[in-house]
N, C-alpha and C. Protein backbone atom coordinates (compact mmCIF):
# COMPACT_ATOMS: atom_id res chain seq x y z
N UNK A 1 10.89 0.51 15.87
CA UNK A 1 10.82 -0.28 17.08
C UNK A 1 11.07 -1.74 16.72
N UNK A 2 11.77 -2.43 17.56
CA UNK A 2 12.08 -3.83 17.30
C UNK A 2 10.87 -4.71 17.54
N UNK A 3 10.93 -5.91 17.00
CA UNK A 3 9.85 -6.87 17.21
C UNK A 3 9.70 -7.15 18.70
N UNK A 4 10.84 -7.26 19.43
CA UNK A 4 10.79 -7.50 20.87
C UNK A 4 10.08 -6.35 21.57
N UNK A 5 10.39 -5.11 21.17
CA UNK A 5 9.74 -3.95 21.77
C UNK A 5 8.25 -3.97 21.56
N UNK A 6 7.83 -4.33 20.34
CA UNK A 6 6.39 -4.41 20.06
C UNK A 6 5.73 -5.50 20.90
N UNK A 7 6.41 -6.64 21.02
CA UNK A 7 5.84 -7.72 21.83
C UNK A 7 5.76 -7.32 23.30
N UNK A 8 6.75 -6.60 23.78
CA UNK A 8 6.72 -6.14 25.17
C UNK A 8 5.57 -5.19 25.40
N UNK A 9 5.38 -4.26 24.48
CA UNK A 9 4.26 -3.32 24.60
C UNK A 9 2.94 -4.08 24.57
N UNK A 10 2.82 -5.04 23.66
CA UNK A 10 1.59 -5.82 23.57
C UNK A 10 1.34 -6.59 24.86
N UNK A 11 2.37 -7.17 25.42
CA UNK A 11 2.21 -7.94 26.66
C UNK A 11 1.77 -7.04 27.80
N UNK A 12 2.35 -5.87 27.90
CA UNK A 12 1.95 -4.92 28.94
C UNK A 12 0.50 -4.51 28.74
N UNK A 13 0.16 -4.18 27.49
CA UNK A 13 -1.20 -3.73 27.20
C UNK A 13 -2.21 -4.84 27.47
N UNK A 14 -1.87 -6.07 27.13
CA UNK A 14 -2.80 -7.17 27.36
C UNK A 14 -3.08 -7.36 28.84
N UNK A 15 -2.13 -7.06 29.66
CA UNK A 15 -2.34 -7.16 31.10
C UNK A 15 -3.36 -6.15 31.60
N UNK A 16 -3.59 -5.09 30.84
CA UNK A 16 -4.57 -4.08 31.22
C UNK A 16 -5.90 -4.26 30.49
N UNK A 17 -6.02 -5.33 29.69
CA UNK A 17 -7.25 -5.55 28.95
C UNK A 17 -7.27 -4.84 27.61
N UNK A 18 -6.16 -4.22 27.22
CA UNK A 18 -6.06 -3.52 25.95
C UNK A 18 -5.16 -4.35 25.04
N UNK A 19 -5.61 -4.62 23.83
CA UNK A 19 -4.78 -5.33 22.87
C UNK A 19 -4.20 -4.32 21.90
N UNK A 20 -2.89 -4.33 21.77
CA UNK A 20 -2.23 -3.41 20.86
C UNK A 20 -1.48 -4.25 19.83
N UNK A 21 -1.89 -4.16 18.60
CA UNK A 21 -1.17 -4.79 17.51
C UNK A 21 -0.39 -3.68 16.81
N UNK A 22 0.43 -4.04 15.89
CA UNK A 22 1.20 -3.03 15.19
C UNK A 22 0.27 -2.06 14.46
N UNK A 23 -0.86 -2.55 13.99
CA UNK A 23 -1.72 -1.73 13.16
C UNK A 23 -3.03 -1.29 13.81
N UNK A 24 -3.38 -1.84 14.96
CA UNK A 24 -4.65 -1.50 15.57
C UNK A 24 -4.59 -1.64 17.08
N UNK A 25 -5.45 -0.89 17.74
CA UNK A 25 -5.64 -0.99 19.18
C UNK A 25 -7.09 -1.38 19.40
N UNK A 26 -7.31 -2.38 20.26
CA UNK A 26 -8.68 -2.80 20.57
C UNK A 26 -8.89 -2.87 22.07
N UNK A 27 -10.14 -2.69 22.44
CA UNK A 27 -10.57 -2.79 23.84
C UNK A 27 -11.72 -3.78 23.91
N UNK A 28 -11.69 -4.70 24.86
CA UNK A 28 -12.82 -5.61 25.01
C UNK A 28 -14.04 -4.84 25.50
N UNK A 29 -15.21 -5.26 25.02
CA UNK A 29 -16.47 -4.63 25.42
C UNK A 29 -17.28 -5.65 26.19
N UNK A 30 -17.74 -5.27 27.36
CA UNK A 30 -18.54 -6.16 28.19
C UNK A 30 -20.01 -5.95 27.86
N UNK A 31 -20.48 -6.65 26.85
CA UNK A 31 -21.87 -6.51 26.42
C UNK A 31 -22.04 -7.06 25.02
N UNK A 32 -23.20 -6.80 24.45
CA UNK A 32 -23.52 -7.33 23.13
C UNK A 32 -22.94 -6.44 22.03
N UNK A 33 -22.90 -6.99 20.83
CA UNK A 33 -22.47 -6.24 19.66
C UNK A 33 -23.35 -5.01 19.47
N UNK A 34 -24.66 -5.19 19.63
CA UNK A 34 -25.60 -4.08 19.46
C UNK A 34 -25.35 -2.98 20.48
N UNK A 35 -25.08 -3.37 21.72
CA UNK A 35 -24.77 -2.37 22.75
C UNK A 35 -23.46 -1.65 22.43
N UNK A 36 -22.49 -2.37 21.90
CA UNK A 36 -21.20 -1.77 21.56
C UNK A 36 -21.35 -0.77 20.40
N UNK A 37 -22.11 -1.14 19.38
CA UNK A 37 -22.28 -0.21 18.26
C UNK A 37 -23.04 1.04 18.71
N UNK A 38 -24.00 0.86 19.59
CA UNK A 38 -24.73 2.02 20.13
C UNK A 38 -23.78 2.91 20.93
N UNK A 39 -22.90 2.30 21.72
CA UNK A 39 -21.95 3.06 22.54
C UNK A 39 -20.97 3.83 21.66
N UNK A 40 -20.50 3.21 20.59
CA UNK A 40 -19.58 3.90 19.68
C UNK A 40 -20.28 5.05 18.99
N UNK A 41 -21.46 4.80 18.46
CA UNK A 41 -22.23 5.85 17.80
C UNK A 41 -22.47 7.02 18.75
N UNK A 42 -22.86 6.72 19.97
CA UNK A 42 -23.12 7.77 20.96
C UNK A 42 -21.85 8.54 21.30
N UNK A 43 -20.73 7.86 21.42
CA UNK A 43 -19.46 8.53 21.75
C UNK A 43 -19.02 9.45 20.63
N UNK A 44 -19.18 9.02 19.38
CA UNK A 44 -18.80 9.86 18.24
C UNK A 44 -19.68 11.09 18.18
N UNK A 45 -20.97 10.89 18.25
CA UNK A 45 -21.92 12.01 18.19
C UNK A 45 -21.73 12.93 19.39
N UNK A 46 -21.42 12.34 20.53
CA UNK A 46 -21.19 13.12 21.75
C UNK A 46 -20.00 14.07 21.64
N UNK A 47 -19.08 13.78 20.74
CA UNK A 47 -17.93 14.67 20.50
C UNK A 47 -18.28 15.76 19.48
N UNK A 48 -19.54 15.80 19.06
CA UNK A 48 -19.96 16.79 18.08
C UNK A 48 -19.59 16.42 16.66
N UNK A 49 -19.30 15.15 16.42
CA UNK A 49 -18.90 14.69 15.10
C UNK A 49 -20.07 14.03 14.40
N UNK A 50 -20.00 13.97 13.08
CA UNK A 50 -21.05 13.38 12.26
C UNK A 50 -20.51 12.09 11.65
N UNK A 51 -21.26 11.02 11.79
CA UNK A 51 -20.88 9.74 11.18
C UNK A 51 -21.25 9.81 9.71
N UNK A 52 -20.23 9.70 8.86
CA UNK A 52 -20.46 9.76 7.41
C UNK A 52 -21.02 8.46 6.87
N UNK A 53 -20.56 7.33 7.45
CA UNK A 53 -20.95 6.05 6.91
C UNK A 53 -20.73 4.96 7.96
N UNK A 54 -21.60 3.99 7.97
CA UNK A 54 -21.43 2.81 8.82
C UNK A 54 -21.30 1.62 7.88
N UNK A 55 -20.12 1.06 7.81
CA UNK A 55 -19.85 -0.06 6.93
C UNK A 55 -20.09 -1.37 7.66
N UNK A 56 -20.90 -2.22 7.08
CA UNK A 56 -21.25 -3.51 7.68
C UNK A 56 -20.31 -4.59 7.13
N UNK A 57 -19.06 -4.53 7.54
CA UNK A 57 -18.01 -5.42 7.03
C UNK A 57 -18.33 -6.88 7.32
N UNK A 58 -18.78 -7.17 8.52
CA UNK A 58 -19.11 -8.55 8.88
C UNK A 58 -20.19 -9.14 7.99
N UNK A 59 -21.24 -8.37 7.74
CA UNK A 59 -22.31 -8.83 6.85
C UNK A 59 -21.78 -9.13 5.46
N UNK A 60 -20.92 -8.22 4.95
CA UNK A 60 -20.35 -8.40 3.61
C UNK A 60 -19.52 -9.68 3.56
N UNK A 61 -18.66 -9.89 4.57
CA UNK A 61 -17.82 -11.09 4.57
C UNK A 61 -18.67 -12.36 4.64
N UNK A 62 -19.70 -12.34 5.48
CA UNK A 62 -20.58 -13.51 5.61
C UNK A 62 -21.37 -13.75 4.34
N UNK A 63 -21.80 -12.69 3.69
CA UNK A 63 -22.61 -12.81 2.48
C UNK A 63 -21.79 -13.30 1.29
N UNK A 64 -20.51 -12.94 1.22
CA UNK A 64 -19.70 -13.23 0.03
C UNK A 64 -18.75 -14.41 0.21
N UNK A 65 -18.70 -14.99 1.40
CA UNK A 65 -17.76 -16.09 1.64
C UNK A 65 -17.85 -17.20 0.61
N UNK A 66 -19.04 -17.73 0.39
CA UNK A 66 -19.20 -18.83 -0.56
C UNK A 66 -18.81 -18.39 -1.97
N UNK A 67 -19.07 -17.14 -2.32
CA UNK A 67 -18.75 -16.63 -3.66
C UNK A 67 -17.25 -16.61 -3.93
N UNK A 68 -16.45 -16.48 -2.87
CA UNK A 68 -14.99 -16.45 -3.05
C UNK A 68 -14.34 -17.76 -2.60
N UNK A 69 -15.16 -18.79 -2.38
CA UNK A 69 -14.64 -20.11 -2.07
C UNK A 69 -14.22 -20.31 -0.62
N UNK A 70 -14.85 -19.60 0.31
CA UNK A 70 -14.49 -19.75 1.72
C UNK A 70 -15.71 -20.07 2.56
N UNK A 71 -15.52 -20.98 3.50
CA UNK A 71 -16.58 -21.31 4.45
C UNK A 71 -16.25 -20.76 5.84
N UNK A 72 -15.20 -19.95 5.94
CA UNK A 72 -14.74 -19.41 7.22
C UNK A 72 -15.61 -18.22 7.62
N UNK A 73 -16.07 -18.25 8.85
CA UNK A 73 -16.77 -17.10 9.42
C UNK A 73 -15.73 -16.30 10.19
N UNK A 74 -15.36 -15.13 9.65
CA UNK A 74 -14.34 -14.30 10.28
C UNK A 74 -14.93 -13.62 11.52
N UNK A 75 -16.09 -13.03 11.36
CA UNK A 75 -16.78 -12.32 12.44
C UNK A 75 -18.23 -12.76 12.46
N UNK A 76 -18.79 -12.82 13.66
CA UNK A 76 -20.24 -12.98 13.75
C UNK A 76 -20.89 -11.67 13.31
N UNK A 77 -20.28 -10.57 13.71
CA UNK A 77 -20.71 -9.23 13.31
C UNK A 77 -19.49 -8.32 13.33
N UNK A 78 -19.46 -7.34 12.44
CA UNK A 78 -18.38 -6.35 12.43
C UNK A 78 -18.84 -5.12 11.65
N UNK A 79 -18.74 -3.97 12.27
CA UNK A 79 -19.08 -2.70 11.62
C UNK A 79 -17.94 -1.72 11.82
N UNK A 80 -17.80 -0.81 10.86
CA UNK A 80 -16.83 0.28 10.97
C UNK A 80 -17.59 1.59 10.82
N UNK A 81 -17.38 2.49 11.78
CA UNK A 81 -17.99 3.81 11.74
C UNK A 81 -16.97 4.79 11.18
N UNK A 82 -17.31 5.47 10.09
CA UNK A 82 -16.40 6.42 9.44
C UNK A 82 -16.89 7.84 9.68
N UNK A 83 -15.95 8.71 10.04
CA UNK A 83 -16.28 10.09 10.36
C UNK A 83 -15.03 10.95 10.24
N UNK A 84 -15.21 12.26 10.27
CA UNK A 84 -14.08 13.19 10.24
C UNK A 84 -14.31 14.27 11.28
N UNK A 85 -13.24 14.96 11.57
CA UNK A 85 -13.30 16.15 12.41
C UNK A 85 -12.76 17.28 11.56
N UNK A 86 -13.58 18.27 11.26
CA UNK A 86 -13.13 19.40 10.43
C UNK A 86 -11.92 20.08 11.07
N UNK A 87 -11.96 20.25 12.37
CA UNK A 87 -10.88 20.95 13.07
C UNK A 87 -9.59 20.16 12.99
N UNK A 88 -9.62 18.89 13.39
CA UNK A 88 -8.41 18.08 13.38
C UNK A 88 -7.94 17.76 11.96
N UNK A 89 -8.86 17.51 11.07
CA UNK A 89 -8.47 17.20 9.69
C UNK A 89 -7.73 18.37 9.07
N UNK A 90 -8.26 19.57 9.25
CA UNK A 90 -7.57 20.75 8.72
C UNK A 90 -6.19 20.88 9.34
N UNK A 91 -6.10 20.70 10.65
CA UNK A 91 -4.84 20.86 11.34
C UNK A 91 -3.78 19.87 10.82
N UNK A 92 -4.15 18.59 10.72
CA UNK A 92 -3.17 17.59 10.30
C UNK A 92 -2.85 17.70 8.82
N UNK A 93 -3.80 18.14 8.01
CA UNK A 93 -3.53 18.27 6.58
C UNK A 93 -2.78 19.55 6.25
N UNK A 94 -2.93 20.57 7.09
CA UNK A 94 -2.08 21.75 6.92
C UNK A 94 -0.64 21.41 7.28
N UNK A 95 -0.45 20.52 8.26
CA UNK A 95 0.90 20.09 8.64
C UNK A 95 1.51 19.23 7.53
N UNK A 96 0.69 18.39 6.91
CA UNK A 96 1.16 17.54 5.81
C UNK A 96 -0.06 17.15 4.97
N UNK A 97 -0.19 17.73 3.77
CA UNK A 97 -1.35 17.42 2.94
C UNK A 97 -1.55 15.93 2.67
N UNK A 98 -0.49 15.12 2.77
CA UNK A 98 -0.64 13.68 2.53
C UNK A 98 -1.34 12.96 3.69
N UNK A 99 -1.62 13.66 4.76
CA UNK A 99 -2.41 13.06 5.84
C UNK A 99 -3.84 12.80 5.40
N UNK A 100 -4.19 13.25 4.20
CA UNK A 100 -5.51 12.92 3.64
C UNK A 100 -5.67 11.40 3.54
N UNK A 101 -4.55 10.69 3.44
CA UNK A 101 -4.60 9.23 3.33
C UNK A 101 -5.26 8.57 4.54
N UNK A 102 -5.33 9.28 5.66
CA UNK A 102 -5.89 8.71 6.89
C UNK A 102 -7.34 9.13 7.13
N UNK A 103 -7.90 9.90 6.23
CA UNK A 103 -9.25 10.43 6.40
C UNK A 103 -10.19 9.69 5.46
N UNK A 104 -11.38 9.30 5.82
CA UNK A 104 -11.99 9.54 7.12
C UNK A 104 -11.41 8.61 8.19
N UNK A 105 -11.70 8.94 9.43
CA UNK A 105 -11.23 8.16 10.56
C UNK A 105 -12.26 7.08 10.86
N UNK A 106 -11.81 5.98 11.43
CA UNK A 106 -12.73 4.87 11.68
C UNK A 106 -12.57 4.26 13.05
N UNK A 107 -13.70 3.87 13.60
CA UNK A 107 -13.75 3.07 14.83
C UNK A 107 -14.51 1.80 14.45
N UNK A 108 -13.95 0.65 14.80
CA UNK A 108 -14.64 -0.60 14.45
C UNK A 108 -15.14 -1.31 15.68
N UNK A 109 -16.17 -2.12 15.46
CA UNK A 109 -16.75 -2.98 16.50
C UNK A 109 -16.80 -4.38 15.90
N UNK A 110 -16.27 -5.36 16.64
CA UNK A 110 -16.28 -6.73 16.16
C UNK A 110 -16.89 -7.66 17.21
N UNK A 111 -17.43 -8.75 16.70
CA UNK A 111 -17.94 -9.83 17.56
C UNK A 111 -17.43 -11.13 16.96
N UNK A 112 -16.58 -11.81 17.71
CA UNK A 112 -16.06 -13.12 17.30
C UNK A 112 -16.37 -14.10 18.41
N UNK A 113 -17.30 -14.99 18.14
CA UNK A 113 -17.68 -16.01 19.11
C UNK A 113 -18.08 -15.41 20.46
N UNK A 114 -18.80 -14.30 20.42
CA UNK A 114 -19.27 -13.66 21.64
C UNK A 114 -18.30 -12.72 22.30
N UNK A 115 -17.08 -12.62 21.79
CA UNK A 115 -16.09 -11.67 22.32
C UNK A 115 -16.21 -10.38 21.51
N UNK A 116 -16.78 -9.37 22.12
CA UNK A 116 -17.01 -8.09 21.44
C UNK A 116 -15.85 -7.15 21.75
N UNK A 117 -15.39 -6.45 20.73
CA UNK A 117 -14.28 -5.51 20.90
C UNK A 117 -14.53 -4.25 20.11
N UNK A 118 -13.93 -3.16 20.58
CA UNK A 118 -13.99 -1.85 19.93
C UNK A 118 -12.55 -1.42 19.69
N UNK A 119 -12.29 -0.89 18.51
CA UNK A 119 -10.92 -0.48 18.23
C UNK A 119 -10.79 0.49 17.08
N UNK A 120 -9.54 0.77 16.76
CA UNK A 120 -9.21 1.71 15.69
C UNK A 120 -7.84 1.38 15.14
N UNK A 121 -7.60 1.85 13.92
CA UNK A 121 -6.29 1.68 13.27
C UNK A 121 -5.31 2.66 13.89
N UNK A 122 -4.11 2.18 14.21
CA UNK A 122 -3.07 3.06 14.73
C UNK A 122 -2.58 3.98 13.62
N UNK A 123 -2.30 5.21 13.99
CA UNK A 123 -1.89 6.22 13.02
C UNK A 123 -0.40 6.53 13.20
N UNK A 124 0.22 7.11 12.18
CA UNK A 124 1.67 7.37 12.26
C UNK A 124 2.01 8.44 13.28
N UNK A 125 3.28 8.42 13.71
CA UNK A 125 3.79 9.45 14.61
C UNK A 125 3.67 10.82 13.96
N UNK A 126 3.72 11.84 14.78
CA UNK A 126 3.63 13.21 14.27
C UNK A 126 2.23 13.77 14.48
N UNK A 127 1.80 14.65 13.58
CA UNK A 127 0.51 15.32 13.76
C UNK A 127 -0.68 14.37 13.89
N UNK A 128 -0.62 13.19 13.27
CA UNK A 128 -1.75 12.26 13.31
C UNK A 128 -1.98 11.68 14.70
N UNK A 129 -1.02 11.84 15.60
CA UNK A 129 -1.21 11.35 16.96
C UNK A 129 -2.34 12.08 17.68
N UNK A 130 -2.60 13.32 17.29
CA UNK A 130 -3.73 14.04 17.89
C UNK A 130 -5.05 13.40 17.47
N UNK A 131 -5.13 12.93 16.23
CA UNK A 131 -6.31 12.21 15.77
C UNK A 131 -6.41 10.87 16.50
N UNK A 132 -5.27 10.20 16.67
CA UNK A 132 -5.29 8.93 17.38
C UNK A 132 -5.77 9.11 18.82
N UNK A 133 -5.41 10.21 19.45
CA UNK A 133 -5.91 10.49 20.80
C UNK A 133 -7.43 10.63 20.79
N UNK A 134 -7.96 11.26 19.75
CA UNK A 134 -9.42 11.37 19.62
C UNK A 134 -10.04 9.99 19.49
N UNK A 135 -9.47 9.16 18.60
CA UNK A 135 -10.00 7.81 18.40
C UNK A 135 -9.92 6.99 19.69
N UNK A 136 -8.81 7.11 20.39
CA UNK A 136 -8.66 6.37 21.64
C UNK A 136 -9.68 6.84 22.68
N UNK A 137 -9.90 8.14 22.74
CA UNK A 137 -10.90 8.66 23.68
C UNK A 137 -12.30 8.16 23.37
N UNK A 138 -12.63 8.10 22.09
CA UNK A 138 -13.95 7.59 21.68
C UNK A 138 -14.07 6.11 22.04
N UNK A 139 -13.04 5.33 21.72
CA UNK A 139 -13.08 3.89 22.01
C UNK A 139 -13.17 3.63 23.50
N UNK A 140 -12.39 4.37 24.29
CA UNK A 140 -12.42 4.19 25.74
C UNK A 140 -13.78 4.60 26.33
N UNK A 141 -14.33 5.69 25.84
CA UNK A 141 -15.65 6.09 26.31
C UNK A 141 -16.68 5.02 26.00
N UNK A 142 -16.60 4.46 24.79
CA UNK A 142 -17.57 3.44 24.37
C UNK A 142 -17.48 2.18 25.23
N UNK A 143 -16.28 1.84 25.70
CA UNK A 143 -16.16 0.64 26.55
C UNK A 143 -16.38 0.94 28.03
N UNK A 144 -16.61 2.21 28.34
CA UNK A 144 -16.93 2.58 29.70
C UNK A 144 -15.73 2.93 30.57
N UNK A 145 -14.62 3.28 29.94
CA UNK A 145 -13.43 3.71 30.72
C UNK A 145 -13.43 5.20 30.95
């Protein structure tokens, strides 16, 4: 896809409140970071999935900034929820064993200056689009769509 095509898609998506970057899709969340993380956790568990790990990326960045010579606060808070689906993982890895590179799947929640968002990394075309549909459904449910 051309750069113009990507910009056009992003402009259309932004008009609907959805931000689409080349590598990630995000949805604004109307509420606090804590409410957003609870909504994501509930949506994942509600699909019958198990959260393997909750990575506190924002805390790590804030804690290590001075150690790496930076005073920049990237996020006020940011967490990534990592999980898998046995059914979908088997399906996509049977189609192409190298789809292991996309597992586990992640949904992130960010807070930057009070703007809370929920999103996920975009996955490649082909079998992984079924996983992306799952991620999109979880993110949309968490934001109340």
